[in-house]
Structures are given as C-alpha cells and as structure tokens.
Amino acid sequence: MIKIRDFTKKTDDDIRLAEKKALSAMVDAFADEMKKKLYQKHEEGWDGWDDESYEELFRKRLCEQILKQNRDYVDIANFAAMLWNMNSKPEES
C-alpha cells in the first residue's frame, strides 16, 4: 500500500509534492496490475477488448464484478477501461 501520511516538519509545498508522487505511484502500480491481468487473459485466448459488439457484455460483466462479495478491483478497472476506450472521443488535432 502506498502512503504519504508522515507530514512531520514538512511545508505545504512538500506535502503537495509528496501527495502527487504518491498518487502517481499508486496509479502506476494499479496500471501494472491491470496490464498483468489483461496480458494473462490475452494469452488465454481472450480478445475483443476494442470490439464494440462486446460493449453490452462488458457492461454486464462490470456490474457483476461490482456486485460480487469478493470483487476484484483490477477486473472492475479493466472492464471500465475497455468501456471507456469504446466510448471515448478521439482527440482532435
């Protein structure tokens, strides 16, 4: 677990910088776990992460994961990422 709560003898700027670094480390660590799981599923033969015909299935699987008693937050994030990818607008240049 990533924490930064040792604020003794630090300025506000030090605290903000430490918070940004900790947030970045948390997101990086979580993204690494997401990638591991996606690569594992890919090796098992799962595909279609960018196929819009799977959107409803991904929505269903996302909801199922959220409602599970022993939910897997990495699976939740991966389904959310795939749905985000399908529904995000292309960047304008």
PDB file of N, CA and C in Angstrom:
ATOM      1  N   MET A   1       0.847  -1.172   0.000  1.00  0.00           N
ATOM      2  CA  MET A   1       0.000   0.000   0.000  1.00  0.00           C
ATOM      3  C   MET A   1       0.892   1.235   0.000  1.00  0.00           C
ATOM      4  N   ILE A   2       0.518   2.210  -0.778  1.00  0.00           N
ATOM      5  CA  ILE A   2       1.290   3.445  -0.907  1.00  0.00           C
ATOM      6  C   ILE A   2       0.676   4.493   0.012  1.00  0.00           C
ATOM      7  N   LYS A   3       1.507   5.059   0.894  1.00  0.00           N
ATOM      8  CA  LYS A   3       1.032   6.084   1.831  1.00  0.00           C
ATOM      9  C   LYS A   3       2.041   7.218   1.871  1.00  0.00           C
ATOM     10  N   ILE A   4       1.555   8.391   2.243  1.00  0.00           N
ATOM     11  CA  ILE A   4       2.454   9.545   2.405  1.00  0.00           C
ATOM     12  C   ILE A   4       2.122  10.314   3.680  1.00  0.00           C
ATOM     13  N   ARG A   5       1.503   9.711   4.605  1.00  0.00           N
ATOM     14  CA  ARG A   5       0.953  10.431   5.751  1.00  0.00           C
ATOM     15  C   ARG A   5       1.954  10.855   6.815  1.00  0.00           C
ATOM     16  N   ASP A   6       3.252  10.805   6.557  1.00  0.00           N
ATOM     17  CA  ASP A   6       4.238  11.297   7.510  1.00  0.00           C
ATOM     18  C   ASP A   6       4.511  12.770   7.183  1.00  0.00           C
ATOM     19  N   PHE A   7       3.681  13.645   7.740  1.00  0.00           N
ATOM     20  CA  PHE A   7       3.746  15.067   7.411  1.00  0.00           C
ATOM     21  C   PHE A   7       4.570  15.876   8.405  1.00  0.00           C
ATOM     22  N   THR A   8       5.293  15.237   9.272  1.00  0.00           N
ATOM     23  CA  THR A   8       6.036  15.984  10.288  1.00  0.00           C
ATOM     24  C   THR A   8       7.110  16.851   9.646  1.00  0.00           C
ATOM     25  N   LYS A   9       7.152  18.100  10.085  1.00  0.00           N
ATOM     26  CA  LYS A   9       8.173  19.069   9.663  1.00  0.00           C
ATOM     27  C   LYS A   9       8.247  19.239   8.144  1.00  0.00           C
ATOM     28  N   LYS A  10       7.106  19.267   7.496  1.00  0.00           N
ATOM     29  CA  LYS A  10       7.083  19.490   6.051  1.00  0.00           C
ATOM     30  C   LYS A  10       6.258  20.720   5.740  1.00  0.00           C
ATOM     31  N   THR A  11       6.643  21.416   4.698  1.00  0.00           N
ATOM     32  CA  THR A  11       5.881  22.588   4.260  1.00  0.00           C
ATOM     33  C   THR A  11       4.689  22.137   3.435  1.00  0.00           C
ATOM     34  N   ASP A  12       3.779  23.069   3.173  1.00  0.00           N
ATOM     35  CA  ASP A  12       2.624  22.754   2.329  1.00  0.00           C
ATOM     36  C   ASP A  12       3.062  22.292   0.946  1.00  0.00           C
ATOM     37  N   ASP A  13       4.100  22.941   0.403  1.00  0.00           N
ATOM     38  CA  ASP A  13       4.605  22.546  -0.920  1.00  0.00           C
ATOM     39  C   ASP A  13       5.174  21.128  -0.882  1.00  0.00           C
ATOM     40  N   ASP A  14       5.876  20.786   0.198  1.00  0.00           N
ATOM     41  CA  ASP A  14       6.419  19.427   0.340  1.00  0.00           C
ATOM     42  C   ASP A  14       5.284  18.403   0.393  1.00  0.00           C
ATOM     43  N   ILE A  15       4.245  18.754   1.121  1.00  0.00           N
ATOM     44  CA  ILE A  15       3.105  17.846   1.264  1.00  0.00           C
ATOM     45  C   ILE A  15       2.414  17.648  -0.083  1.00  0.00           C
ATOM     46  N   ARG A  16       2.190  18.744  -0.821  1.00  0.00           N
ATOM     47  CA  ARG A  16       1.542  18.634  -2.137  1.00  0.00           C
ATOM     48  C   ARG A  16       2.395  17.805  -3.100  1.00  0.00           C
ATOM     49  N   LEU A  17       3.688  18.017  -3.095  1.00  0.00           N
ATOM     50  CA  LEU A  17       4.571  17.261  -3.970  1.00  0.00           C
ATOM     51  C   LEU A  17       4.565  15.777  -3.586  1.00  0.00           C
ATOM     52  N   ALA A  18       4.629  15.498  -2.298  1.00  0.00           N
ATOM     53  CA  ALA A  18       4.594  14.111  -1.830  1.00  0.00           C
ATOM     54  C   ALA A  18       3.277  13.449  -2.215  1.00  0.00           C
ATOM     55  N   GLU A  19       2.185  14.191  -2.107  1.00  0.00           N
ATOM     56  CA  GLU A  19       0.864  13.663  -2.475  1.00  0.00           C
ATOM     57  C   GLU A  19       0.830  13.330  -3.967  1.00  0.00           C
ATOM     58  N   LYS A  20       1.351  14.226  -4.801  1.00  0.00           N
ATOM     59  CA  LYS A  20       1.372  13.973  -6.250  1.00  0.00           C
ATOM     60  C   LYS A  20       2.211  12.744  -6.569  1.00  0.00           C
ATOM     61  N   LYS A  21       3.365  12.630  -5.928  1.00  0.00           N
ATOM     62  CA  LYS A  21       4.229  11.476  -6.168  1.00  0.00           C
ATOM     63  C   LYS A  21       3.547  10.182  -5.730  1.00  0.00           C
ATOM     64  N   ALA A  22       2.884  10.224  -4.584  1.00  0.00           N
ATOM     65  CA  ALA A  22       2.197   9.029  -4.087  1.00  0.00           C
ATOM     66  C   ALA A  22       1.033   8.651  -4.993  1.00  0.00           C
ATOM     67  N   LEU A  23       0.281   9.646  -5.473  1.00  0.00           N
ATOM     68  CA  LEU A  23      -0.819   9.360  -6.404  1.00  0.00           C
ATOM     69  C   LEU A  23      -0.293   8.742  -7.694  1.00  0.00           C
ATOM     70  N   SER A  24       0.792   9.292  -8.186  1.00  0.00           N
ATOM     71  CA  SER A  24       1.395   8.769  -9.405  1.00  0.00           C
ATOM     72  C   SER A  24       1.865   7.327  -9.203  1.00  0.00           C
ATOM     73  N   ALA A  25       2.497   7.067  -8.075  1.00  0.00           N
ATOM     74  CA  ALA A  25       2.967   5.711  -7.769  1.00  0.00           C
ATOM     75  C   ALA A  25       1.796   4.744  -7.643  1.00  0.00           C
ATOM     76  N   MET A  26       0.714   5.185  -7.013  1.00  0.00           N
ATOM     77  CA  MET A  26      -0.463   4.334  -6.865  1.00  0.00           C
ATOM     78  C   MET A  26      -1.056   3.995  -8.227  1.00  0.00           C
ATOM     79  N   VAL A  27      -1.221   5.005  -9.085  1.00  0.00           N
ATOM     80  CA  VAL A  27      -1.803   4.780 -10.412  1.00  0.00           C
ATOM     81  C   VAL A  27      -0.891   3.871 -11.234  1.00  0.00           C
ATOM     82  N   ASP A  28       0.410   4.096 -11.180  1.00  0.00           N
ATOM     83  CA  ASP A  28       1.347   3.249 -11.914  1.00  0.00           C
ATOM     84  C   ASP A  28       1.267   1.794 -11.441  1.00  0.00           C
ATOM     85  N   ALA A  29       1.240   1.589 -10.133  1.00  0.00           N
ATOM     86  CA  ALA A  29       1.174   0.232  -9.585  1.00  0.00           C
ATOM     87  C   ALA A  29      -0.136  -0.446  -9.984  1.00  0.00           C
ATOM     88  N   PHE A  30      -1.238   0.301  -9.934  1.00  0.00           N
ATOM     89  CA  PHE A  30      -2.535  -0.269 -10.305  1.00  0.00           C
ATOM     90  C   PHE A  30      -2.571  -0.574 -11.792  1.00  0.00           C
ATOM     91  N   ALA A  31      -2.038   0.325 -12.614  1.00  0.00           N
ATOM     92  CA  ALA A  31      -1.986   0.095 -14.065  1.00  0.00           C
ATOM     93  C   ALA A  31      -1.155  -1.148 -14.382  1.00  0.00           C
ATOM     94  N   ASP A  32      -0.073  -1.358 -13.644  1.00  0.00           N
ATOM     95  CA  ASP A  32       0.735  -2.563 -13.844  1.00  0.00           C
ATOM     96  C   ASP A  32      -0.086  -3.822 -13.566  1.00  0.00           C
ATOM     97  N   GLU A  33      -0.879  -3.791 -12.512  1.00  0.00           N
ATOM     98  CA  GLU A  33      -1.740  -4.942 -12.192  1.00  0.00           C
ATOM     99  C   GLU A  33      -2.803  -5.145 -13.275  1.00  0.00           C
ATOM    100  N   MET A  34      -3.347  -4.046 -13.780  1.00  0.00           N
ATOM    101  CA  MET A  34      -4.327  -4.145 -14.866  1.00  0.00           C
ATOM    102  C   MET A  34      -3.692  -4.796 -16.091  1.00  0.00           C
ATOM    103  N   LYS A  35      -2.500  -4.346 -16.441  1.00  0.00           N
ATOM    104  CA  LYS A  35      -1.806  -4.893 -17.611  1.00  0.00           C
ATOM    105  C   LYS A  35      -1.523  -6.384 -17.433  1.00  0.00           C
ATOM    106  N   LYS A  36      -1.041  -6.768 -16.245  1.00  0.00           N
ATOM    107  CA  LYS A  36      -0.757  -8.189 -15.988  1.00  0.00           C
ATOM    108  C   LYS A  36      -1.983  -9.038 -16.272  1.00  0.00           C
ATOM    109  N   LYS A  37      -3.121  -8.581 -15.750  1.00  0.00           N
ATOM    110  CA  LYS A  37      -4.355  -9.358 -15.910  1.00  0.00           C
ATOM    111  C   LYS A  37      -4.798  -9.377 -17.369  1.00  0.00           C
ATOM    112  N   LEU A  38      -4.701  -8.238 -18.059  1.00  0.00           N
ATOM    113  CA  LEU A  38      -5.087  -8.188 -19.465  1.00  0.00           C
ATOM    114  C   LEU A  38      -4.181  -9.080 -20.308  1.00  0.00           C
ATOM    115  N   TYR A  39      -2.874  -9.051 -20.048  1.00  0.00           N
ATOM    116  CA  TYR A  39      -1.934  -9.895 -20.803  1.00  0.00           C
ATOM    117  C   TYR A  39      -2.215 -11.374 -20.539  1.00  0.00           C
ATOM    118  N   GLN A  40      -2.512 -11.704 -19.275  1.00  0.00           N
ATOM    119  CA  GLN A  40      -2.833 -13.084 -18.912  1.00  0.00           C
ATOM    120  C   GLN A  40      -4.068 -13.551 -19.680  1.00  0.00           C
ATOM    121  N   LYS A  41      -5.102 -12.730 -19.701  1.00  0.00           N
ATOM    122  CA  LYS A  41      -6.330 -13.091 -20.413  1.00  0.00           C
ATOM    123  C   LYS A  41      -6.070 -13.199 -21.914  1.00  0.00           C
ATOM    124  N   HIS A  42      -5.220 -12.328 -22.444  1.00  0.00           N
ATOM    125  CA  HIS A  42      -4.871 -12.391 -23.861  1.00  0.00           C
ATOM    126  C   HIS A  42      -4.187 -13.720 -24.177  1.00  0.00           C
ATOM    127  N   GLU A  43      -3.251 -14.133 -23.317  1.00  0.00           N
ATOM    128  CA  GLU A  43      -2.551 -15.407 -23.503  1.00  0.00           C
ATOM    129  C   GLU A  43      -3.521 -16.587 -23.423  1.00  0.00           C
ATOM    130  N   GLU A  44      -4.606 -16.439 -22.660  1.00  0.00           N
ATOM    131  CA  GLU A  44      -5.616 -17.496 -22.544  1.00  0.00           C
ATOM    132  C   GLU A  44      -6.574 -17.508 -23.734  1.00  0.00           C
ATOM    133  N   GLY A  45      -6.387 -16.546 -24.647  1.00  0.00           N
ATOM    134  CA  GLY A  45      -7.212 -16.525 -25.850  1.00  0.00           C
ATOM    135  C   GLY A  45      -8.329 -15.499 -25.855  1.00  0.00           C
ATOM    136  N   TRP A  46      -8.459 -14.723 -24.810  1.00  0.00           N
ATOM    137  CA  TRP A  46      -9.493 -13.689 -24.767  1.00  0.00           C
ATOM    138  C   TRP A  46      -9.077 -12.521 -25.655  1.00  0.00           C
ATOM    139  N   ASP A  47     -10.026 -12.038 -26.424  1.00  0.00           N
ATOM    140  CA  ASP A  47      -9.775 -10.853 -27.245  1.00  0.00           C
ATOM    141  C   ASP A  47     -11.084 -10.078 -27.378  1.00  0.00           C
ATOM    142  N   GLY A  48     -11.065  -9.051 -28.178  1.00  0.00           N
ATOM    143  CA  GLY A  48     -12.280  -8.268 -28.377  1.00  0.00           C
ATOM    144  C   GLY A  48     -12.389  -7.040 -27.510  1.00  0.00           C
ATOM    145  N   TRP A  49     -11.299  -6.691 -26.823  1.00  0.00           N
ATOM    146  CA  TRP A  49     -11.346  -5.543 -25.908  1.00  0.00           C
ATOM    147  C   TRP A  49     -11.705  -4.254 -26.628  1.00  0.00           C
ATOM    148  N   ASP A  50     -11.470  -4.208 -27.945  1.00  0.00           N
ATOM    149  CA  ASP A  50     -11.782  -2.997 -28.713  1.00  0.00           C
ATOM    150  C   ASP A  50     -12.928  -3.220 -29.699  1.00  0.00           C
ATOM    151  N   ASP A  51     -13.645  -4.320 -29.529  1.00  0.00           N
ATOM    152  CA  ASP A  51     -14.761  -4.664 -30.417  1.00  0.00           C
ATOM    153  C   ASP A  51     -16.064  -4.147 -29.806  1.00  0.00           C
ATOM    154  N   GLU A  52     -16.643  -3.153 -30.459  1.00  0.00           N
ATOM    155  CA  GLU A  52     -17.844  -2.518 -29.914  1.00  0.00           C
ATOM    156  C   GLU A  52     -19.023  -3.473 -29.780  1.00  0.00           C
ATOM    157  N   SER A  53     -18.988  -4.594 -30.483  1.00  0.00           N
ATOM    158  CA  SER A  53     -20.087  -5.557 -30.348  1.00  0.00           C
ATOM    159  C   SER A  53     -20.081  -6.221 -28.966  1.00  0.00           C
ATOM    160  N   TYR A  54     -18.974  -6.090 -28.234  1.00  0.00           N
ATOM    161  CA  TYR A  54     -18.888  -6.638 -26.874  1.00  0.00           C
ATOM    162  C   TYR A  54     -19.277  -5.630 -25.794  1.00  0.00           C
ATOM    163  N   GLU A  55     -19.655  -4.441 -26.183  1.00  0.00           N
ATOM    164  CA  GLU A  55     -19.905  -3.394 -25.190  1.00  0.00           C
ATOM    165  C   GLU A  55     -20.935  -3.819 -24.149  1.00  0.00           C
ATOM    166  N   GLU A  56     -22.044  -4.373 -24.585  1.00  0.00           N
ATOM    167  CA  GLU A  56     -23.087  -4.766 -23.625  1.00  0.00           C
ATOM    168  C   GLU A  56     -22.592  -5.874 -22.699  1.00  0.00           C
ATOM    169  N   LEU A  57     -21.830  -6.823 -23.241  1.00  0.00           N
ATOM    170  CA  LEU A  57     -21.255  -7.888 -22.416  1.00  0.00           C
ATOM    171  C   LEU A  57     -20.314  -7.292 -21.369  1.00  0.00           C
ATOM    172  N   PHE A  58     -19.474  -6.336 -21.771  1.00  0.00           N
ATOM    173  CA  PHE A  58     -18.558  -5.719 -20.821  1.00  0.00           C
ATOM    174  C   PHE A  58     -19.309  -4.948 -19.745  1.00  0.00           C
ATOM    175  N   ARG A  59     -20.388  -4.290 -20.119  1.00  0.00           N
ATOM    176  CA  ARG A  59     -21.211  -3.593 -19.114  1.00  0.00           C
ATOM    177  C   ARG A  59     -21.769  -4.592 -18.099  1.00  0.00           C
ATOM    178  N   LYS A  60     -22.264  -5.707 -18.619  1.00  0.00           N
ATOM    179  CA  LYS A  60     -22.835  -6.743 -17.750  1.00  0.00           C
ATOM    180  C   LYS A  60     -21.763  -7.300 -16.819  1.00  0.00           C
ATOM    181  N   ARG A  61     -20.594  -7.622 -17.373  1.00  0.00           N
ATOM    182  CA  ARG A  61     -19.513  -8.185 -16.562  1.00  0.00           C
ATOM    183  C   ARG A  61     -19.011  -7.183 -15.524  1.00  0.00           C
ATOM    184  N   LEU A  62     -18.988  -5.904 -15.880  1.00  0.00           N
ATOM    185  CA  LEU A  62     -18.603  -4.860 -14.935  1.00  0.00           C
ATOM    186  C   LEU A  62     -19.568  -4.840 -13.754  1.00  0.00           C
ATOM    187  N   CYS A  63     -20.852  -4.842 -14.058  1.00  0.00           N
ATOM    188  CA  CYS A  63     -21.861  -4.832 -12.983  1.00  0.00           C
ATOM    189  C   CYS A  63     -21.764  -6.085 -12.123  1.00  0.00           C
ATOM    190  N   GLU A  64     -21.554  -7.239 -12.752  1.00  0.00           N
ATOM    191  CA  GLU A  64     -21.409  -8.483 -11.989  1.00  0.00           C
ATOM    192  C   GLU A  64     -20.217  -8.406 -11.040  1.00  0.00           C
ATOM    193  N   GLN A  65     -19.103  -7.872 -11.531  1.00  0.00           N
ATOM    194  CA  GLN A  65     -17.911  -7.749 -10.684  1.00  0.00           C
ATOM    195  C   GLN A  65     -18.165  -6.825  -9.499  1.00  0.00           C
ATOM    196  N   ILE A  66     -18.841  -5.719  -9.764  1.00  0.00           N
ATOM    197  CA  ILE A  66     -19.119  -4.752  -8.693  1.00  0.00           C
ATOM    198  C   ILE A  66     -19.992  -5.375  -7.608  1.00  0.00           C
ATOM    199  N   LEU A  67     -20.935  -6.208  -8.016  1.00  0.00           N
ATOM    200  CA  LEU A  67     -21.883  -6.797  -7.064  1.00  0.00           C
ATOM    201  C   LEU A  67     -21.345  -8.024  -6.327  1.00  0.00           C
ATOM    202  N   LYS A  68     -20.230  -8.571  -6.779  1.00  0.00           N
ATOM    203  CA  LYS A  68     -19.657  -9.739  -6.111  1.00  0.00           C
ATOM    204  C   LYS A  68     -19.228  -9.392  -4.696  1.00  0.00           C
ATOM    205  N   GLN A  69     -19.360 -10.347  -3.807  1.00  0.00           N
ATOM    206  CA  GLN A  69     -18.893 -10.126  -2.440  1.00  0.00           C
ATOM    207  C   GLN A  69     -17.373 -10.011  -2.408  1.00  0.00           C
ATOM    208  N   ASN A  70     -16.696 -10.861  -3.145  1.00  0.00           N
ATOM    209  CA  ASN A  70     -15.225 -10.825  -3.222  1.00  0.00           C
ATOM    210  C   ASN A  70     -14.816 -10.197  -4.543  1.00  0.00           C
ATOM    211  N   ARG A  71     -15.205  -8.936  -4.735  1.00  0.00           N
ATOM    212  CA  ARG A  71     -14.954  -8.284  -6.023  1.00  0.00           C
ATOM    213  C   ARG A  71     -13.469  -8.111  -6.274  1.00  0.00           C
ATOM    214  N   ASP A  72     -13.137  -8.103  -7.551  1.00  0.00           N
ATOM    215  CA  ASP A  72     -11.758  -7.918  -7.994  1.00  0.00           C
ATOM    216  C   ASP A  72     -11.665  -6.528  -8.615  1.00  0.00           C
ATOM    217  N   TYR A  73     -11.018  -5.620  -7.918  1.00  0.00           N
ATOM    218  CA  TYR A  73     -10.953  -4.231  -8.370  1.00  0.00           C
ATOM    219  C   TYR A  73     -10.158  -4.081  -9.668  1.00  0.00           C
ATOM    220  N   VAL A  74      -9.221  -4.975  -9.905  1.00  0.00           N
ATOM    221  CA  VAL A  74      -8.480  -4.923 -11.163  1.00  0.00           C
ATOM    222  C   VAL A  74      -9.409  -5.300 -12.320  1.00  0.00           C
ATOM    223  N   ASP A  75     -10.220  -6.339 -12.146  1.00  0.00           N
ATOM    224  CA  ASP A  75     -11.202  -6.691 -13.182  1.00  0.00           C
ATOM    225  C   ASP A  75     -12.180  -5.542 -13.414  1.00  0.00           C
ATOM    226  N   ILE A  76     -12.633  -4.934 -12.339  1.00  0.00           N
ATOM    227  CA  ILE A  76     -13.557  -3.798 -12.462  1.00  0.00           C
ATOM    228  C   ILE A  76     -12.903  -2.688 -13.282  1.00  0.00           C
ATOM    229  N   ALA A  77     -11.671  -2.379 -12.944  1.00  0.00           N
ATOM    230  CA  ALA A  77     -10.964  -1.318 -13.663  1.00  0.00           C
ATOM    231  C   ALA A  77     -10.738  -1.689 -15.126  1.00  0.00           C
ATOM    232  N   ASN A  78     -10.429  -2.952 -15.391  1.00  0.00           N
ATOM    233  CA  ASN A  78     -10.209  -3.357 -16.777  1.00  0.00           C
ATOM    234  C   ASN A  78     -11.485  -3.271 -17.598  1.00  0.00           C
ATOM    235  N   PHE A  79     -12.597  -3.719 -17.051  1.00  0.00           N
ATOM    236  CA  PHE A  79     -13.860  -3.576 -17.787  1.00  0.00           C
ATOM    237  C   PHE A  79     -14.193  -2.099 -17.987  1.00  0.00           C
ATOM    238  N   ALA A  80     -13.983  -1.294 -16.957  1.00  0.00           N
ATOM    239  CA  ALA A  80     -14.239   0.146 -17.087  1.00  0.00           C
ATOM    240  C   ALA A  80     -13.322   0.759 -18.148  1.00  0.00           C
ATOM    241  N   ALA A  81     -12.068   0.336 -18.191  1.00  0.00           N
ATOM    242  CA  ALA A  81     -11.126   0.866 -19.178  1.00  0.00           C
ATOM    243  C   ALA A  81     -11.549   0.488 -20.596  1.00  0.00           C
ATOM    244  N   MET A  82     -11.998  -0.746 -20.780  1.00  0.00           N
ATOM    245  CA  MET A  82     -12.442  -1.164 -22.113  1.00  0.00           C
ATOM    246  C   MET A  82     -13.677  -0.373 -22.545  1.00  0.00           C
ATOM    247  N   LEU A  83     -14.599  -0.169 -21.620  1.00  0.00           N
ATOM    248  CA  LEU A  83     -15.793   0.625 -21.937  1.00  0.00           C
ATOM    249  C   LEU A  83     -15.416   2.078 -22.195  1.00  0.00           C
ATOM    250  N   TRP A  84     -14.504   2.601 -21.406  1.00  0.00           N
ATOM    251  CA  TRP A  84     -14.028   3.973 -21.614  1.00  0.00           C
ATOM    252  C   TRP A  84     -13.427   4.095 -23.009  1.00  0.00           C
ATOM    253  N   ASN A  85     -12.605   3.115 -23.382  1.00  0.00           N
ATOM    254  CA  ASN A  85     -11.965   3.119 -24.683  1.00  0.00           C
ATOM    255  C   ASN A  85     -13.008   3.125 -25.814  1.00  0.00           C
ATOM    256  N   MET A  86     -14.038   2.326 -25.649  1.00  0.00           N
ATOM    257  CA  MET A  86     -15.078   2.237 -26.680  1.00  0.00           C
ATOM    258  C   MET A  86     -15.880   3.532 -26.796  1.00  0.00           C
ATOM    259  N   ASN A  87     -15.991   4.258 -25.715  1.00  0.00           N
ATOM    260  CA  ASN A  87     -16.864   5.434 -25.682  1.00  0.00           C
ATOM    261  C   ASN A  87     -16.126   6.763 -25.638  1.00  0.00           C
ATOM    262  N   SER A  88     -14.799   6.728 -25.634  1.00  0.00           N
ATOM    263  CA  SER A  88     -14.062   7.988 -25.597  1.00  0.00           C
ATOM    264  C   SER A  88     -14.025   8.582 -26.988  1.00  0.00           C
ATOM    265  N   LYS A  89     -14.031   9.889 -27.015  1.00  0.00           N
ATOM    266  CA  LYS A  89     -13.978  10.596 -28.288  1.00  0.00           C
ATOM    267  C   LYS A  89     -12.525  10.700 -28.715  1.00  0.00           C
ATOM    268  N   PRO A  90     -12.267  10.507 -30.003  1.00  0.00           N
ATOM    269  CA  PRO A  90     -10.877  10.674 -30.464  1.00  0.00           C
ATOM    270  C   PRO A  90     -10.393  12.094 -30.206  1.00  0.00           C
ATOM    271  N   GLU A  91      -9.109  12.197 -29.882  1.00  0.00           N
ATOM    272  CA  GLU A  91      -8.536  13.525 -29.642  1.00  0.00           C
ATOM    273  C   GLU A  91      -8.534  14.315 -30.945  1.00  0.00           C
ATOM    274  N   GLU A  92      -8.885  15.577 -30.822  1.00  0.00           N
ATOM    275  CA  GLU A  92      -8.840  16.444 -32.001  1.00  0.00           C
ATOM    276  C   GLU A  92      -7.439  17.018 -32.123  1.00  0.00           C
ATOM    277  N   SER A  93      -6.941  17.061 -33.393  1.00  0.00           N
ATOM    278  CA  SER A  93      -5.608  17.628 -33.567  1.00  0.00           C
ATOM    279  C   SER A  93      -5.667  19.045 -34.039  1.00  0.00           C
TER     280      SER A  93
END
